[in-house]
């Protein structure tokens, strides 16, 4: 007895033992289906169906046992075929990944070209937006994955950490912070003209939380979506400080600027996220795991 014979029998049962209807669904003739049943019962030396007036009317106890186990076997077979096909398509398809522009230029500037080179059959589509919009798009399944500053604000979002750094205070060498030893306290930063990213960025949301927890009223002098404008302002103004992630400064060519950690430390952790309990096709899983492993390997190189 093979898997196709089992599936034929299940089709007959599911169609109330109507051979005409079953044969049409299976795309075989009714005589061929009747012959299959007779040959199967003869070869296996069992009676699968009960009959009355020349028609199939139900299942024998042996038939009931066969169909019960047959359904499990059939489902396992279908899952196996599906898995094989998915693995065949493991490295092909379209994946939409949402990333904030700051993170693209700072964290993913090498990862994305490498992914494209290694996976030419995957159409990697990057959607650039702020953290709040990316979380909404992920929840609405408009994107497959989102790269976010941790923690995400929605509990239905599942995070896989990929990058760990900190947020810094930026200032020029004529600023009073230049003479400070070590990290800069939040209480001191709150006294300054603060230049930072606009409210669509998770860093700004987290900065507000930290000031609120300490009951501080920061002086936000200017907000923008442009990280390089923040650093330019800090370089030109002796009384302004910037608040952005430490790694961003690697992309800046200005010389009259420096940065320090906050006291206490202000972490900047990046995760590649998906929705909990939402089916991911194989190419999306592969893409997420590729980036997780890429950053893990990069971290190991720097140890």
Protein backbone atom coordinates (compact mmCIF):
# COMPACT_ATOMS: atom_id res chain seq x y z
CA UNK A 1 0.00 0.00 0.00
CA UNK A 2 1.51 3.35 -1.04
CA UNK A 3 0.75 6.94 -0.02
CA UNK A 4 -1.35 7.64 -3.11
CA UNK A 5 -3.63 4.67 -2.42
CA UNK A 6 -4.09 5.89 1.17
CA UNK A 7 -4.97 9.39 -0.07
CA UNK A 8 -7.49 7.91 -2.53
CA UNK A 9 -9.19 6.05 0.33
CA UNK A 10 -9.29 9.22 2.48
CA UNK A 11 -10.89 11.13 -0.41
CA UNK A 12 -13.62 8.50 -0.69
CA UNK A 13 -14.38 8.72 3.05
CA UNK A 14 -14.38 12.54 2.99
CA UNK A 15 -16.91 12.51 0.15
CA UNK A 16 -19.44 10.27 1.96
CA UNK A 17 -18.36 7.15 0.03
CA UNK A 18 -19.63 8.65 -3.24
CA UNK A 19 -17.33 7.08 -5.85
CA UNK A 20 -18.56 9.30 -8.68
CA UNK A 21 -17.72 12.50 -6.80
CA UNK A 22 -14.45 11.07 -5.47
CA UNK A 23 -13.33 9.94 -8.92
CA UNK A 24 -13.99 13.43 -10.30
CA UNK A 25 -11.93 15.04 -7.52
CA UNK A 26 -9.10 12.55 -8.03
CA UNK A 27 -9.27 12.98 -11.82
CA UNK A 28 -9.72 9.27 -12.49
CA UNK A 29 -12.63 7.27 -13.88
CA UNK A 30 -15.11 5.64 -11.51
CA UNK A 31 -14.38 2.13 -12.84
CA UNK A 32 -10.65 2.71 -12.26
CA UNK A 33 -11.36 3.81 -8.67
CA UNK A 34 -13.56 0.78 -8.03
CA UNK A 35 -10.87 -1.48 -9.46
CA UNK A 36 -8.23 0.12 -7.20
CA UNK A 37 -10.33 -0.60 -4.10
CA UNK A 38 -10.94 -4.22 -5.13
CA UNK A 39 -7.27 -4.86 -5.90
CA UNK A 40 -6.14 -3.22 -2.68
CA UNK A 41 -8.48 -5.30 -0.54
CA UNK A 42 -7.43 -8.44 -2.42
CA UNK A 43 -3.68 -7.80 -2.16
CA UNK A 44 -3.78 -6.78 1.51
CA UNK A 45 -6.31 -9.51 2.35
CA UNK A 46 -8.55 -7.07 4.24
CA UNK A 47 -12.01 -5.56 3.86
CA UNK A 48 -11.89 -1.79 4.07
CA UNK A 49 -15.48 -0.81 3.23
CA UNK A 50 -18.90 -2.16 4.09
CA UNK A 51 -21.30 -2.56 1.17
CA UNK A 52 -25.01 -2.72 0.57
CA UNK A 53 -26.88 -3.26 -2.70
CA UNK A 54 -23.64 -3.02 -4.65
CA UNK A 55 -22.63 0.31 -3.11
CA UNK A 56 -20.05 1.32 -0.50
CA UNK A 57 -21.90 2.31 2.66
CA UNK A 58 -19.20 2.77 5.29
CA UNK A 59 -15.99 1.52 6.88
CA UNK A 60 -15.28 -1.78 8.54
CA UNK A 61 -13.39 -1.67 11.88
CA UNK A 62 -10.25 -2.46 9.90
CA UNK A 63 -11.08 0.36 7.49
CA UNK A 64 -11.62 2.82 10.35
CA UNK A 65 -8.22 1.95 11.77
CA UNK A 66 -6.62 2.27 8.33
CA UNK A 67 -8.15 5.71 7.68
CA UNK A 68 -7.25 7.00 11.17
CA UNK A 69 -3.58 6.08 10.76
CA UNK A 70 -3.68 6.98 7.07
CA UNK A 71 -4.62 10.59 7.83
CA UNK A 72 -1.54 10.94 10.04
CA UNK A 73 0.69 9.39 7.39
CA UNK A 74 -0.82 11.59 4.68
CA UNK A 75 -0.28 14.76 6.74
CA UNK A 76 3.31 13.78 7.47
CA UNK A 77 3.88 13.13 3.78
CA UNK A 78 2.43 16.53 2.81
CA UNK A 79 4.63 18.26 5.41
CA UNK A 80 7.66 16.44 4.07
CA UNK A 81 6.95 17.52 0.49
CA UNK A 82 6.33 21.11 1.62
CA UNK A 83 9.57 21.16 3.58
CA UNK A 84 11.55 19.83 0.61
CA UNK A 85 10.07 22.48 -1.69
CA UNK A 86 10.71 25.24 0.83
CA UNK A 87 14.33 24.18 1.23
CA UNK A 88 14.71 24.20 -2.53
CA UNK A 89 13.55 27.86 -2.44
CA UNK A 90 15.63 28.71 0.64
CA UNK A 91 17.75 31.30 -1.11
CA UNK A 92 15.26 32.78 -3.54
CA UNK A 93 12.34 35.14 -3.15
CA UNK A 94 11.57 38.65 -1.92
CA UNK A 95 12.19 39.90 1.62
CA UNK A 96 11.17 43.36 2.83
CA UNK A 97 13.27 44.67 5.72
CA UNK A 98 12.49 47.94 7.49
CA UNK A 99 15.53 49.86 8.81
CA UNK A 100 15.93 53.40 10.15
CA UNK A 101 18.28 55.46 7.93
CA UNK A 102 20.69 56.06 10.84
CA UNK A 103 21.05 52.32 11.40
CA UNK A 104 21.55 51.63 7.69
CA UNK A 105 24.50 54.01 7.41
CA UNK A 106 26.00 53.04 10.76
CA UNK A 107 25.40 49.33 11.33
CA UNK A 108 24.30 47.84 8.00
CA UNK A 109 26.60 49.70 5.60
CA UNK A 110 28.73 46.56 5.11
CA UNK A 111 26.18 43.88 5.95
CA UNK A 112 23.73 44.75 3.15
CA UNK A 113 26.27 44.65 0.26
CA UNK A 114 27.65 41.35 1.58
CA UNK A 115 24.18 39.83 1.81
CA UNK A 116 23.37 40.88 -1.76
CA UNK A 117 26.64 39.43 -3.05
CA UNK A 118 26.13 36.10 -1.29
CA UNK A 119 22.41 35.80 -2.12
CA UNK A 120 21.85 37.03 -5.69
CA UNK A 121 18.48 35.26 -5.99
CA UNK A 122 16.96 37.03 -2.97
CA UNK A 123 15.35 40.37 -3.76
CA UNK A 124 16.21 42.32 -0.59
CA UNK A 125 13.93 45.36 -0.40
CA UNK A 126 14.89 47.97 2.21
CA UNK A 127 12.15 50.17 3.66
CA UNK A 128 13.57 53.24 5.39
CA UNK A 129 11.57 54.81 8.22
CA UNK A 130 11.60 55.71 11.88
CA UNK A 131 11.07 53.15 14.64
CA UNK A 132 7.37 53.82 15.26
CA UNK A 133 6.44 53.54 11.58
CA UNK A 134 8.51 50.39 11.15
CA UNK A 135 6.79 48.73 14.11
CA UNK A 136 3.39 49.55 12.62
CA UNK A 137 4.42 48.18 9.23
CA UNK A 138 5.69 44.99 10.88
CA UNK A 139 2.44 44.48 12.81
CA UNK A 140 0.39 45.09 9.63
CA UNK A 141 2.71 42.63 7.81
CA UNK A 142 3.67 45.28 5.27
CA UNK A 143 7.29 44.29 5.90
CA UNK A 144 8.76 40.90 6.81
CA UNK A 145 11.42 42.06 9.27
CA UNK A 146 12.27 45.27 11.10
CA UNK A 147 15.62 46.41 12.47
CA UNK A 148 14.86 48.35 15.66
CA UNK A 149 16.52 49.93 18.66
CA UNK A 150 15.68 47.61 21.56
CA UNK A 151 13.36 47.28 23.34
CA UNK A 152 10.43 47.33 20.91
CA UNK A 153 7.33 49.04 22.27
CA UNK A 154 4.87 46.29 21.25
CA UNK A 155 4.89 42.94 23.11
CA UNK A 156 3.82 41.08 19.94
CA UNK A 157 7.21 41.87 18.36
CA UNK A 158 9.93 39.27 18.82
CA UNK A 159 13.52 40.50 18.94
CA UNK A 160 16.82 38.87 18.01
CA UNK A 161 19.73 41.03 19.22
CA UNK A 162 22.47 41.69 16.66
CA UNK A 163 24.43 44.77 17.79
CA UNK A 164 25.32 46.35 21.13
CA UNK A 165 26.72 49.83 21.71
CA UNK A 166 25.80 53.04 23.56
CA UNK A 167 24.35 56.52 23.09
CA UNK A 168 26.80 59.37 23.63
CA UNK A 169 26.91 63.09 24.34
CA UNK A 170 28.66 64.98 21.50
CA UNK A 171 30.29 68.41 21.80
CA UNK A 172 33.16 70.48 20.40
CA UNK A 173 36.48 70.93 22.14
CA UNK A 174 35.59 74.39 23.44
CA UNK A 175 32.59 73.09 25.36
CA UNK A 176 32.83 72.78 29.14
CA UNK A 177 32.34 68.99 28.89
CA UNK A 178 35.80 68.80 27.30
CA UNK A 179 37.29 69.28 30.76
CA UNK A 180 35.09 66.65 32.42
CA UNK A 181 36.72 63.40 33.45
CA UNK A 182 34.82 60.29 32.38
CA UNK A 183 31.11 59.94 31.47
CA UNK A 184 28.73 62.92 31.57
CA UNK A 185 25.85 62.85 34.11
CA UNK A 186 22.31 63.30 32.78
CA UNK A 187 21.87 66.19 35.20
CA UNK A 188 24.64 68.13 33.42
CA UNK A 189 23.37 67.31 29.92
CA UNK A 190 19.90 68.63 30.83
CA UNK A 191 21.43 72.10 31.43
CA UNK A 192 22.73 72.38 27.85
CA UNK A 193 21.24 73.25 24.46
CA UNK A 194 20.44 69.75 23.18
CA UNK A 195 20.48 68.83 19.50
CA UNK A 196 19.11 65.39 18.70
CA UNK A 197 17.01 63.28 16.33
CA UNK A 198 13.31 64.01 15.95
CA UNK A 199 10.53 62.23 17.82
CA UNK A 200 10.13 59.48 15.21
CA UNK A 201 13.39 57.90 16.45
CA UNK A 202 13.52 55.41 19.31
CA UNK A 203 16.66 57.03 20.75
CA UNK A 204 14.75 60.28 21.35
CA UNK A 205 11.88 58.39 22.98
CA UNK A 206 14.33 56.60 25.27
CA UNK A 207 16.17 59.86 26.02
CA UNK A 208 12.90 61.46 27.15
CA UNK A 209 12.20 58.46 29.37
CA UNK A 210 15.58 58.76 31.07
CA UNK A 211 15.20 62.50 31.71
CA UNK A 212 11.66 61.95 33.04
CA UNK A 213 12.83 59.22 35.40
CA UNK A 214 15.29 61.70 36.90
CA UNK A 215 12.66 64.51 36.92
CA UNK A 216 14.82 66.64 34.62
CA UNK A 217 13.58 69.20 32.08
CA UNK A 218 15.96 69.07 29.12
CA UNK A 219 16.43 72.06 26.82
CA UNK A 220 15.82 70.68 23.32
CA UNK A 221 17.36 73.34 21.11
CA UNK A 222 16.89 71.56 17.75
CA UNK A 223 15.59 68.23 16.42
CA UNK A 224 16.23 66.76 12.99
CA UNK A 225 16.25 63.51 11.02
CA UNK A 226 19.84 64.17 9.93
CA UNK A 227 22.60 62.81 12.17
CA UNK A 228 25.35 64.71 10.33
CA UNK A 229 23.49 68.00 10.86
CA UNK A 230 23.50 67.27 14.61
CA UNK A 231 27.27 66.87 14.60
CA UNK A 232 27.77 69.91 12.38
CA UNK A 233 25.80 72.06 14.83
CA UNK A 234 27.84 70.71 17.75
CA UNK A 235 31.07 71.45 15.88
CA UNK A 236 30.01 75.03 15.12
CA UNK A 237 28.35 75.93 18.44
CA UNK A 238 30.35 75.99 21.66
CA UNK A 239 27.21 75.81 23.83
CA UNK A 240 25.36 72.91 22.09
CA UNK A 241 25.54 69.17 22.74
CA UNK A 242 24.27 66.36 20.57
CA UNK A 243 22.66 63.08 21.63
CA UNK A 244 23.15 60.24 19.15
CA UNK A 245 24.56 56.71 19.17
CA UNK A 246 28.34 56.40 19.50
CA UNK A 247 28.97 54.42 16.25
CA UNK A 248 27.43 57.19 14.13
CA UNK A 249 30.49 59.35 14.68
CA UNK A 250 32.63 56.94 12.64
CA UNK A 251 30.96 58.36 9.52
CA UNK A 252 31.70 61.98 10.41
CA UNK A 253 34.77 63.78 9.07
CA UNK A 254 34.76 66.78 11.42
CA UNK A 255 37.83 67.15 13.65
CA UNK A 256 36.75 69.64 16.33
CA UNK A 257 34.28 67.28 18.01
CA UNK A 258 34.33 64.53 20.61
CA UNK A 259 31.91 62.39 22.58
CA UNK A 260 31.49 60.74 25.97
CA UNK A 261 29.19 58.12 27.40
CA UNK A 262 26.34 59.10 29.68
CA UNK A 263 26.47 58.41 33.39
CA UNK A 264 24.79 56.01 33.92
CA UNK A 265 25.44 54.27 30.61
CA UNK A 266 22.77 54.73 27.94
CA UNK A 267 22.68 51.46 25.90
CA UNK A 268 22.03 51.40 22.14
CA UNK A 269 21.05 47.83 21.28
CA UNK A 270 19.86 46.82 17.83
CA UNK A 271 17.58 43.84 17.13
CA UNK A 272 16.24 42.30 13.94
CA UNK A 273 12.57 41.66 14.66
CA UNK A 274 9.62 39.62 13.46
CA UNK A 275 6.06 39.14 14.67
CA UNK A 276 5.41 36.43 17.25
CA UNK A 277 3.09 33.61 16.16
CA UNK A 278 3.06 34.76 12.52
CA UNK A 279 4.20 32.28 9.88
CA UNK A 280 7.54 33.11 8.28
CA UNK A 281 8.39 31.55 4.95
CA UNK A 282 11.78 29.94 4.58
CA UNK A 283 13.50 32.78 2.75
CA UNK A 284 12.49 35.27 5.48
CA UNK A 285 13.81 32.94 8.20
CA UNK A 286 17.00 32.46 6.23
CA UNK A 287 17.47 36.23 5.83
CA UNK A 288 16.91 36.92 9.52
CA UNK A 289 19.34 34.17 10.54
CA UNK A 290 21.90 35.36 7.99
CA UNK A 291 22.05 38.82 9.57
CA UNK A 292 22.10 37.39 13.11
CA UNK A 293 25.07 35.18 12.20
CA UNK A 294 26.80 37.99 10.29
CA UNK A 295 26.83 40.30 13.30
CA UNK A 296 27.76 37.47 15.64
CA UNK A 297 30.80 36.73 13.48
CA UNK A 298 31.70 40.43 13.31
CA UNK A 299 31.51 40.66 17.09
CA UNK A 300 33.77 37.61 17.47
CA UNK A 301 36.35 39.21 15.16
CA UNK A 302 36.52 42.24 17.43
CA UNK A 303 37.02 40.23 20.65
